[in-house]
N, C-alpha and C. Protein backbone atom coordinates (compact mmCIF):
# COMPACT_ATOMS: atom_id res chain seq x y z
N UNK A 1 149.51 128.75 98.42
CA UNK A 1 149.84 129.98 99.11
C UNK A 1 150.10 131.04 98.06
N UNK A 2 149.46 132.18 98.18
CA UNK A 2 149.62 133.28 97.24
C UNK A 2 150.90 134.03 97.55
N UNK A 3 151.59 134.48 96.51
CA UNK A 3 152.82 135.23 96.73
C UNK A 3 152.83 136.47 95.86
N UNK A 4 153.52 137.50 96.33
CA UNK A 4 153.64 138.70 95.51
C UNK A 4 154.90 138.61 94.66
N UNK A 5 155.24 139.65 93.94
CA UNK A 5 156.29 139.62 92.92
C UNK A 5 157.63 139.07 93.41
N UNK A 6 158.03 139.36 94.63
CA UNK A 6 159.32 138.88 95.11
C UNK A 6 159.28 137.45 95.59
N UNK A 7 158.13 136.79 95.51
CA UNK A 7 158.03 135.41 95.96
C UNK A 7 157.70 135.27 97.42
N UNK A 8 157.40 136.37 98.10
CA UNK A 8 157.05 136.32 99.52
C UNK A 8 155.54 136.19 99.66
N UNK A 9 155.04 135.42 100.62
CA UNK A 9 153.60 135.28 100.80
C UNK A 9 152.99 136.56 101.34
N UNK A 10 151.74 136.79 100.99
CA UNK A 10 151.01 137.90 101.57
C UNK A 10 150.73 137.59 103.04
N UNK A 11 150.59 138.60 103.87
CA UNK A 11 150.31 138.40 105.30
C UNK A 11 149.01 137.64 105.49
N UNK A 12 148.04 137.80 104.58
CA UNK A 12 146.75 137.11 104.70
C UNK A 12 146.91 135.60 104.61
N UNK A 13 147.98 135.13 103.96
CA UNK A 13 148.17 133.71 103.77
C UNK A 13 148.87 133.04 104.94
N UNK A 14 149.36 133.81 105.90
CA UNK A 14 150.05 133.23 107.04
C UNK A 14 149.04 132.61 107.98
N UNK A 15 149.40 131.52 108.59
CA UNK A 15 148.49 130.84 109.49
C UNK A 15 148.17 131.70 110.70
N UNK A 16 149.18 132.31 111.29
CA UNK A 16 149.00 133.17 112.44
C UNK A 16 149.61 134.53 112.14
N UNK A 17 148.93 135.60 112.51
CA UNK A 17 149.51 136.92 112.30
C UNK A 17 149.52 137.75 113.57
N UNK A 18 148.53 137.60 114.42
CA UNK A 18 148.43 138.45 115.61
C UNK A 18 149.17 137.85 116.79
N UNK A 19 149.76 138.72 117.61
CA UNK A 19 150.43 138.29 118.82
C UNK A 19 151.81 137.71 118.59
N UNK A 20 152.34 137.87 117.39
CA UNK A 20 153.65 137.32 117.08
C UNK A 20 154.63 138.44 116.80
N UNK A 21 155.90 138.19 117.06
CA UNK A 21 156.89 139.22 116.75
C UNK A 21 156.93 139.49 115.25
N UNK A 22 157.17 140.73 114.88
CA UNK A 22 157.30 141.07 113.47
C UNK A 22 158.68 140.63 112.99
N UNK A 23 158.72 139.88 111.93
CA UNK A 23 159.98 139.37 111.41
C UNK A 23 160.28 140.04 110.08
N UNK A 24 161.53 140.34 109.85
CA UNK A 24 161.99 140.88 108.58
C UNK A 24 161.82 139.79 107.53
N UNK A 25 161.28 140.14 106.36
CA UNK A 25 161.04 139.16 105.31
C UNK A 25 162.31 138.51 104.80
N UNK A 26 163.46 139.13 105.01
CA UNK A 26 164.72 138.58 104.53
C UNK A 26 165.42 137.71 105.57
N UNK A 27 164.87 137.60 106.77
CA UNK A 27 165.50 136.85 107.84
C UNK A 27 164.70 135.57 108.08
N UNK A 28 165.41 134.47 108.21
CA UNK A 28 164.74 133.21 108.46
C UNK A 28 165.69 132.23 109.11
N UNK A 29 165.15 131.09 109.43
CA UNK A 29 165.92 130.02 110.06
C UNK A 29 166.03 128.88 109.07
N UNK A 30 167.23 128.35 108.97
CA UNK A 30 167.47 127.22 108.07
C UNK A 30 166.69 126.01 108.55
N UNK A 31 166.55 125.05 107.65
CA UNK A 31 165.76 123.87 107.95
C UNK A 31 166.20 123.13 109.20
N UNK A 32 167.49 122.92 109.37
CA UNK A 32 167.97 122.18 110.54
C UNK A 32 167.62 122.91 111.83
N UNK A 33 167.73 124.23 111.82
CA UNK A 33 167.40 125.01 113.02
C UNK A 33 165.90 125.02 113.27
N UNK A 34 165.12 125.13 112.21
CA UNK A 34 163.66 125.10 112.36
C UNK A 34 163.22 123.75 112.91
N UNK A 35 163.81 122.68 112.39
CA UNK A 35 163.45 121.33 112.86
C UNK A 35 163.80 121.17 114.34
N UNK A 36 164.99 121.63 114.71
CA UNK A 36 165.40 121.53 116.12
C UNK A 36 164.48 122.33 117.03
N UNK A 37 164.13 123.54 116.62
CA UNK A 37 163.25 124.39 117.43
C UNK A 37 161.86 123.78 117.57
N UNK A 38 161.40 123.09 116.55
CA UNK A 38 160.07 122.47 116.58
C UNK A 38 160.09 121.09 117.22
N UNK A 39 161.29 120.52 117.42
CA UNK A 39 161.39 119.19 118.03
C UNK A 39 161.08 118.07 117.06
N UNK A 40 161.38 118.29 115.78
CA UNK A 40 161.11 117.28 114.76
C UNK A 40 162.43 116.94 114.05
N UNK A 41 162.38 115.90 113.23
CA UNK A 41 163.56 115.54 112.45
C UNK A 41 163.59 116.36 111.16
N UNK A 42 164.77 116.45 110.57
CA UNK A 42 164.88 117.17 109.30
C UNK A 42 164.07 116.44 108.22
N UNK A 43 164.03 115.12 108.32
CA UNK A 43 163.26 114.34 107.36
C UNK A 43 161.77 114.69 107.42
N UNK A 44 161.23 114.87 108.65
CA UNK A 44 159.83 115.29 108.80
C UNK A 44 159.64 116.67 108.19
N UNK A 45 160.55 117.58 108.50
CA UNK A 45 160.47 118.94 107.98
C UNK A 45 160.42 118.93 106.46
N UNK A 46 161.31 118.19 105.86
CA UNK A 46 161.38 118.11 104.40
C UNK A 46 160.09 117.53 103.83
N UNK A 47 159.61 116.46 104.43
CA UNK A 47 158.37 115.83 103.95
C UNK A 47 157.19 116.79 104.06
N UNK A 48 157.07 117.48 105.19
CA UNK A 48 155.95 118.40 105.39
C UNK A 48 156.03 119.57 104.42
N UNK A 49 157.23 120.00 104.07
CA UNK A 49 157.37 121.09 103.09
C UNK A 49 157.00 120.58 101.69
N UNK A 50 157.50 119.41 101.33
CA UNK A 50 157.21 118.87 99.99
C UNK A 50 155.73 118.55 99.81
N UNK A 51 155.05 118.16 100.88
CA UNK A 51 153.63 117.83 100.79
C UNK A 51 152.74 119.03 101.14
N UNK A 52 153.36 120.18 101.32
CA UNK A 52 152.66 121.45 101.53
C UNK A 52 151.86 121.52 102.83
N UNK A 53 152.25 120.72 103.83
CA UNK A 53 151.62 120.83 105.14
C UNK A 53 152.08 122.11 105.81
N UNK A 54 153.39 122.30 105.89
CA UNK A 54 153.97 123.53 106.42
C UNK A 54 155.09 123.93 105.47
N UNK A 55 154.84 124.98 104.71
CA UNK A 55 155.82 125.48 103.76
C UNK A 55 156.55 126.68 104.35
N UNK A 56 157.82 126.82 104.02
CA UNK A 56 158.56 127.98 104.53
C UNK A 56 158.06 129.27 103.87
N UNK A 57 157.82 130.29 104.67
CA UNK A 57 157.30 131.54 104.13
C UNK A 57 158.38 132.57 103.84
N UNK A 58 159.59 132.38 104.37
CA UNK A 58 160.66 133.33 104.09
C UNK A 58 161.26 133.03 102.72
N UNK A 59 161.61 131.76 102.49
CA UNK A 59 162.13 131.37 101.18
C UNK A 59 161.94 129.87 101.01
N UNK A 60 161.34 129.49 99.89
CA UNK A 60 161.19 128.07 99.60
C UNK A 60 162.37 127.59 98.78
N UNK A 61 162.55 126.29 98.73
CA UNK A 61 163.65 125.72 97.96
C UNK A 61 163.32 125.82 96.48
N UNK A 62 164.29 126.25 95.71
CA UNK A 62 164.11 126.37 94.26
C UNK A 62 165.20 125.58 93.56
N UNK A 63 165.05 124.27 93.56
CA UNK A 63 166.02 123.42 92.89
C UNK A 63 167.11 122.94 93.83
N UNK A 64 167.97 122.14 93.26
CA UNK A 64 169.06 121.54 94.03
C UNK A 64 170.02 122.60 94.55
N UNK A 65 170.40 122.47 95.79
CA UNK A 65 171.37 123.37 96.39
C UNK A 65 170.78 124.60 97.06
N UNK A 66 169.51 124.88 96.82
CA UNK A 66 168.90 126.04 97.48
C UNK A 66 168.37 125.63 98.84
N UNK A 67 168.29 126.59 99.74
CA UNK A 67 167.84 126.30 101.10
C UNK A 67 166.52 126.97 101.40
N UNK A 68 165.68 126.23 102.10
CA UNK A 68 164.44 126.80 102.60
C UNK A 68 164.78 127.64 103.82
N UNK A 69 164.02 128.72 104.01
CA UNK A 69 164.15 129.52 105.23
C UNK A 69 162.77 129.64 105.86
N UNK A 70 162.72 129.27 107.13
CA UNK A 70 161.46 129.25 107.88
C UNK A 70 161.40 130.46 108.80
N UNK A 71 160.23 131.08 108.84
CA UNK A 71 159.99 132.19 109.75
C UNK A 71 159.46 131.69 111.08
N UNK A 72 159.31 132.61 112.02
CA UNK A 72 158.81 132.27 113.35
C UNK A 72 157.46 131.56 113.28
N UNK A 73 156.56 132.09 112.49
CA UNK A 73 155.22 131.51 112.37
C UNK A 73 155.28 130.08 111.85
N UNK A 74 156.17 129.85 110.89
CA UNK A 74 156.32 128.50 110.34
C UNK A 74 156.76 127.52 111.42
N UNK A 75 157.71 127.95 112.24
CA UNK A 75 158.23 127.08 113.30
C UNK A 75 157.15 126.82 114.34
N UNK A 76 156.34 127.82 114.62
CA UNK A 76 155.21 127.63 115.55
C UNK A 76 154.26 126.57 115.01
N UNK A 77 153.93 126.64 113.74
CA UNK A 77 153.04 125.65 113.14
C UNK A 77 153.69 124.26 113.17
N UNK A 78 154.98 124.21 112.87
CA UNK A 78 155.69 122.92 112.93
C UNK A 78 155.58 122.30 114.32
N UNK A 79 155.78 123.13 115.34
CA UNK A 79 155.72 122.63 116.72
C UNK A 79 154.30 122.18 117.08
N UNK A 80 153.29 122.90 116.61
CA UNK A 80 151.90 122.50 116.86
C UNK A 80 151.60 121.17 116.16
N UNK A 81 152.07 121.02 114.94
CA UNK A 81 151.88 119.75 114.22
C UNK A 81 152.55 118.61 114.99
N UNK A 82 153.74 118.86 115.46
CA UNK A 82 154.47 117.84 116.25
C UNK A 82 153.69 117.46 117.50
N UNK A 83 153.17 118.47 118.21
CA UNK A 83 152.39 118.18 119.42
C UNK A 83 151.16 117.34 119.10
N UNK A 84 150.48 117.66 118.02
CA UNK A 84 149.30 116.88 117.63
C UNK A 84 149.69 115.45 117.25
N UNK A 85 150.79 115.28 116.54
CA UNK A 85 151.26 113.94 116.21
C UNK A 85 151.59 113.14 117.47
N UNK A 86 152.23 113.82 118.44
CA UNK A 86 152.60 113.16 119.69
C UNK A 86 151.39 112.66 120.47
N UNK A 87 150.26 113.30 120.27
CA UNK A 87 149.05 112.89 120.98
C UNK A 87 148.27 111.82 120.23
N UNK A 88 148.77 111.41 119.06
CA UNK A 88 148.14 110.32 118.33
C UNK A 88 147.22 110.74 117.20
N UNK A 89 147.17 112.01 116.91
CA UNK A 89 146.33 112.47 115.80
C UNK A 89 147.00 112.08 114.48
N UNK A 90 146.21 111.64 113.53
CA UNK A 90 146.77 111.24 112.24
C UNK A 90 147.20 112.48 111.45
N UNK A 91 148.18 112.29 110.60
CA UNK A 91 148.66 113.39 109.77
C UNK A 91 147.54 113.91 108.86
N UNK A 92 146.66 113.02 108.44
CA UNK A 92 145.52 113.43 107.61
C UNK A 92 144.61 114.40 108.38
N UNK A 93 144.32 114.09 109.65
CA UNK A 93 143.50 114.98 110.47
C UNK A 93 144.23 116.29 110.75
N UNK A 94 145.54 116.21 110.93
CA UNK A 94 146.33 117.42 111.19
C UNK A 94 146.28 118.33 109.97
N UNK A 95 146.36 117.76 108.79
CA UNK A 95 146.26 118.57 107.56
C UNK A 95 144.92 119.32 107.52
N UNK A 96 143.87 118.64 107.87
CA UNK A 96 142.54 119.26 107.89
C UNK A 96 142.52 120.38 108.93
N UNK A 97 143.08 120.11 110.11
CA UNK A 97 143.10 121.12 111.18
C UNK A 97 143.90 122.35 110.76
N UNK A 98 145.05 122.15 110.12
CA UNK A 98 145.87 123.28 109.69
C UNK A 98 145.11 124.11 108.66
N UNK A 99 144.42 123.47 107.74
CA UNK A 99 143.63 124.21 106.75
C UNK A 99 142.49 124.98 107.43
N UNK A 100 141.84 124.37 108.42
CA UNK A 100 140.77 125.05 109.15
C UNK A 100 141.32 126.26 109.90
N UNK A 101 142.49 126.10 110.49
CA UNK A 101 143.11 127.22 111.20
C UNK A 101 143.43 128.36 110.24
N UNK A 102 143.95 128.02 109.07
CA UNK A 102 144.26 129.06 108.08
C UNK A 102 143.00 129.81 107.67
N UNK A 103 141.91 129.09 107.53
CA UNK A 103 140.66 129.70 107.08
C UNK A 103 139.93 130.47 108.17
N UNK A 104 140.27 130.21 109.44
CA UNK A 104 139.50 130.78 110.55
C UNK A 104 139.84 132.22 110.89
N UNK A 105 141.00 132.71 110.51
CA UNK A 105 141.38 134.08 110.82
C UNK A 105 141.50 134.32 112.31
N UNK A 106 142.37 133.59 112.99
CA UNK A 106 142.56 133.69 114.43
C UNK A 106 142.96 135.12 114.82
N UNK A 107 142.34 135.65 115.87
CA UNK A 107 142.66 137.00 116.33
C UNK A 107 143.45 137.00 117.64
N UNK A 108 143.12 136.11 118.56
CA UNK A 108 143.80 136.08 119.86
C UNK A 108 144.55 134.76 119.99
N UNK A 109 145.77 134.76 119.53
CA UNK A 109 146.56 133.54 119.53
C UNK A 109 146.80 133.00 120.93
N UNK A 110 147.11 133.87 121.87
CA UNK A 110 147.40 133.43 123.24
C UNK A 110 146.19 132.78 123.90
N UNK A 111 144.99 133.13 123.47
CA UNK A 111 143.78 132.56 124.05
C UNK A 111 143.20 131.41 123.26
N UNK A 112 143.96 130.88 122.33
CA UNK A 112 143.48 129.79 121.47
C UNK A 112 143.95 128.45 122.01
N UNK A 113 143.06 127.47 121.98
CA UNK A 113 143.40 126.12 122.40
C UNK A 113 142.96 125.15 121.32
N UNK A 114 143.84 124.23 120.97
CA UNK A 114 143.48 123.16 120.06
C UNK A 114 143.05 121.98 120.92
N UNK A 115 141.84 121.52 120.71
CA UNK A 115 141.29 120.39 121.48
C UNK A 115 141.13 119.21 120.52
N UNK A 116 141.20 118.01 121.08
CA UNK A 116 141.01 116.82 120.26
C UNK A 116 140.37 115.71 121.07
N UNK A 117 139.69 114.85 120.37
CA UNK A 117 139.11 113.66 120.97
C UNK A 117 139.93 112.43 120.57
N UNK A 118 141.07 112.68 119.94
CA UNK A 118 141.93 111.60 119.48
C UNK A 118 141.74 111.30 118.01
N UNK A 119 140.65 111.79 117.43
CA UNK A 119 140.40 111.56 116.02
C UNK A 119 140.30 112.88 115.25
N UNK A 120 139.63 113.85 115.83
CA UNK A 120 139.46 115.15 115.19
C UNK A 120 140.09 116.24 116.04
N UNK A 121 140.37 117.37 115.41
CA UNK A 121 140.95 118.51 116.10
C UNK A 121 139.95 119.66 116.03
N UNK A 122 139.74 120.33 117.17
CA UNK A 122 138.80 121.45 117.26
C UNK A 122 139.55 122.70 117.70
N UNK A 123 139.17 123.81 117.12
CA UNK A 123 139.75 125.11 117.47
C UNK A 123 138.83 125.79 118.47
N UNK A 124 139.36 126.08 119.66
CA UNK A 124 138.58 126.76 120.69
C UNK A 124 139.21 128.12 120.97
N UNK A 125 138.39 129.15 120.93
CA UNK A 125 138.91 130.50 121.16
C UNK A 125 138.39 131.09 122.47
N UNK A 126 137.69 130.28 123.26
CA UNK A 126 137.23 130.76 124.57
C UNK A 126 137.16 129.58 125.54
N UNK A 127 137.15 129.89 126.82
CA UNK A 127 137.01 128.85 127.84
C UNK A 127 135.67 128.14 127.71
N UNK A 128 134.63 128.88 127.34
CA UNK A 128 133.31 128.27 127.18
C UNK A 128 133.32 127.19 126.10
N UNK A 129 134.03 127.45 125.02
CA UNK A 129 134.12 126.44 123.96
C UNK A 129 134.86 125.20 124.44
N UNK A 130 135.91 125.38 125.22
CA UNK A 130 136.65 124.24 125.77
C UNK A 130 135.74 123.43 126.68
N UNK A 131 135.04 124.10 127.57
CA UNK A 131 134.13 123.42 128.52
C UNK A 131 133.03 122.69 127.76
N UNK A 132 132.50 123.32 126.73
CA UNK A 132 131.44 122.71 125.94
C UNK A 132 131.93 121.41 125.28
N UNK A 133 133.11 121.44 124.71
CA UNK A 133 133.66 120.24 124.08
C UNK A 133 133.89 119.13 125.10
N UNK A 134 134.48 119.49 126.24
CA UNK A 134 134.76 118.50 127.27
C UNK A 134 133.46 117.90 127.81
N UNK A 135 132.45 118.74 128.04
CA UNK A 135 131.18 118.24 128.58
C UNK A 135 130.47 117.32 127.60
N UNK A 136 130.70 117.49 126.31
CA UNK A 136 130.10 116.61 125.31
C UNK A 136 130.97 115.38 125.06
N UNK A 137 132.12 115.30 125.74
CA UNK A 137 133.00 114.16 125.58
C UNK A 137 133.88 114.24 124.34
N UNK A 138 133.91 115.40 123.70
CA UNK A 138 134.69 115.53 122.47
C UNK A 138 136.12 115.99 122.73
N UNK A 139 136.35 116.66 123.83
CA UNK A 139 137.69 117.16 124.11
C UNK A 139 138.40 116.28 125.12
N UNK A 140 139.32 115.47 124.66
CA UNK A 140 140.08 114.60 125.54
C UNK A 140 141.34 115.30 126.02
N UNK A 141 141.95 116.09 125.16
CA UNK A 141 143.14 116.84 125.53
C UNK A 141 143.17 118.14 124.75
N UNK A 142 143.98 119.07 125.24
CA UNK A 142 144.09 120.36 124.58
C UNK A 142 145.53 120.82 124.52
N UNK A 143 145.82 121.65 123.54
CA UNK A 143 147.13 122.26 123.38
C UNK A 143 146.93 123.77 123.39
N UNK A 144 147.46 124.43 124.40
CA UNK A 144 147.37 125.88 124.49
C UNK A 144 148.38 126.49 123.53
N UNK A 145 147.88 127.12 122.48
CA UNK A 145 148.75 127.66 121.44
C UNK A 145 149.67 128.75 122.00
N UNK A 146 149.17 129.57 122.90
CA UNK A 146 149.99 130.63 123.48
C UNK A 146 151.22 130.08 124.18
N UNK A 147 151.07 128.96 124.87
CA UNK A 147 152.21 128.35 125.56
C UNK A 147 153.23 127.84 124.54
N UNK A 148 152.77 127.24 123.48
CA UNK A 148 153.68 126.75 122.44
C UNK A 148 154.39 127.93 121.78
N UNK A 149 153.67 129.01 121.57
CA UNK A 149 154.27 130.23 121.00
C UNK A 149 155.44 130.69 121.85
N UNK A 150 155.26 130.75 123.16
CA UNK A 150 156.33 131.20 124.05
C UNK A 150 157.51 130.22 124.07
N UNK A 151 157.22 128.92 123.96
CA UNK A 151 158.29 127.92 123.91
C UNK A 151 159.14 128.11 122.65
N UNK A 152 158.49 128.31 121.51
CA UNK A 152 159.21 128.52 120.26
C UNK A 152 160.04 129.79 120.34
N UNK A 153 159.44 130.85 120.85
CA UNK A 153 160.14 132.12 120.98
C UNK A 153 161.39 131.97 121.84
N UNK A 154 161.26 131.29 122.98
CA UNK A 154 162.40 131.08 123.88
C UNK A 154 163.49 130.25 123.20
N UNK A 155 163.09 129.22 122.49
CA UNK A 155 164.05 128.36 121.81
C UNK A 155 164.82 129.14 120.76
N UNK A 156 164.11 129.96 119.98
CA UNK A 156 164.77 130.73 118.93
C UNK A 156 165.68 131.80 119.50
N UNK A 157 165.30 132.40 120.63
CA UNK A 157 166.17 133.37 121.28
C UNK A 157 167.46 132.69 121.72
N UNK A 158 167.34 131.48 122.27
CA UNK A 158 168.53 130.72 122.67
C UNK A 158 169.40 130.39 121.46
N UNK A 159 168.78 129.97 120.36
CA UNK A 159 169.54 129.67 119.15
C UNK A 159 170.28 130.90 118.66
N UNK A 160 169.60 132.04 118.65
CA UNK A 160 170.22 133.27 118.17
C UNK A 160 171.42 133.64 119.05
N UNK A 161 171.30 133.41 120.34
CA UNK A 161 172.39 133.74 121.25
C UNK A 161 173.56 132.77 121.10
N UNK A 162 173.25 131.49 120.87
CA UNK A 162 174.30 130.48 120.77
C UNK A 162 174.92 130.38 119.39
N UNK A 163 174.07 130.55 118.37
CA UNK A 163 174.55 130.40 116.99
C UNK A 163 174.17 131.62 116.18
N UNK A 164 175.09 132.55 116.04
CA UNK A 164 174.77 133.75 115.28
C UNK A 164 174.42 133.48 113.83
N UNK A 165 174.75 132.30 113.30
CA UNK A 165 174.42 132.00 111.92
C UNK A 165 172.98 131.53 111.76
N UNK A 166 172.16 131.65 112.82
CA UNK A 166 170.75 131.28 112.71
C UNK A 166 170.04 132.16 111.70
N UNK A 167 170.51 133.39 111.53
CA UNK A 167 169.95 134.28 110.54
C UNK A 167 170.59 133.92 109.20
N UNK A 168 169.83 133.98 108.15
CA UNK A 168 170.32 133.61 106.84
C UNK A 168 171.55 134.41 106.44
N UNK A 169 172.66 133.72 106.27
CA UNK A 169 173.92 134.37 105.91
C UNK A 169 173.88 134.99 104.52
N UNK A 170 173.22 134.30 103.58
CA UNK A 170 173.18 134.81 102.21
C UNK A 170 172.43 136.13 102.14
N UNK A 171 171.31 136.23 102.85
CA UNK A 171 170.55 137.49 102.85
C UNK A 171 171.38 138.60 103.48
N UNK A 172 172.12 138.27 104.54
CA UNK A 172 172.96 139.27 105.20
C UNK A 172 174.07 139.74 104.25
N UNK A 173 174.65 138.83 103.51
CA UNK A 173 175.70 139.21 102.54
C UNK A 173 175.14 140.09 101.44
N UNK A 174 173.95 139.72 100.95
CA UNK A 174 173.32 140.54 99.91
C UNK A 174 173.06 141.94 100.42
N UNK A 175 172.59 142.04 101.63
CA UNK A 175 172.30 143.35 102.22
C UNK A 175 173.57 144.18 102.34
N UNK A 176 174.67 143.55 102.73
CA UNK A 176 175.94 144.27 102.85
C UNK A 176 176.45 144.74 101.47
N UNK A 177 176.28 143.90 100.46
CA UNK A 177 176.73 144.26 99.11
C UNK A 177 175.94 145.43 98.54
N UNK A 178 174.64 145.44 98.80
CA UNK A 178 173.81 146.51 98.25
C UNK A 178 173.89 147.80 99.05
N UNK A 179 174.43 147.72 100.28
CA UNK A 179 174.52 148.92 101.13
C UNK A 179 175.68 149.80 100.76
């Protein structure tokens, strides 16, 4: 992932950019909150970050004692990976699918469906593509990305309402000191 001088990724490197809320680069969700919102364990989150499947885009860990901060897009990808794992797709195939998604430049997130035959994952951006896959016997199940996006958004709104510390406290303190 390419980063500019402050260590933040360029927008081009994000898996999803369109149809998502704009997030402040200094605001993120801690690992435990990101894992809970995605429905995964902290151990999975840590493994996926260390193996570069889903890396935090707000702030990565830099040595012992530092905390990763995950943005909304990161949590959405985590939840999509979890859904694919739940359907029996191998982590190796999921890695390939995530790389294909990054390279595809998705424009209409709400209209995107991930289809699978249980072995491979296909990106469909129209109903015709979904029908074509199903008619060829390649699409056994699908995951509507737009629906997952709304689930993540709702979960994070609930977290923000219940736990005001969902926003990075250190960044907030730095902002207050510099103001």
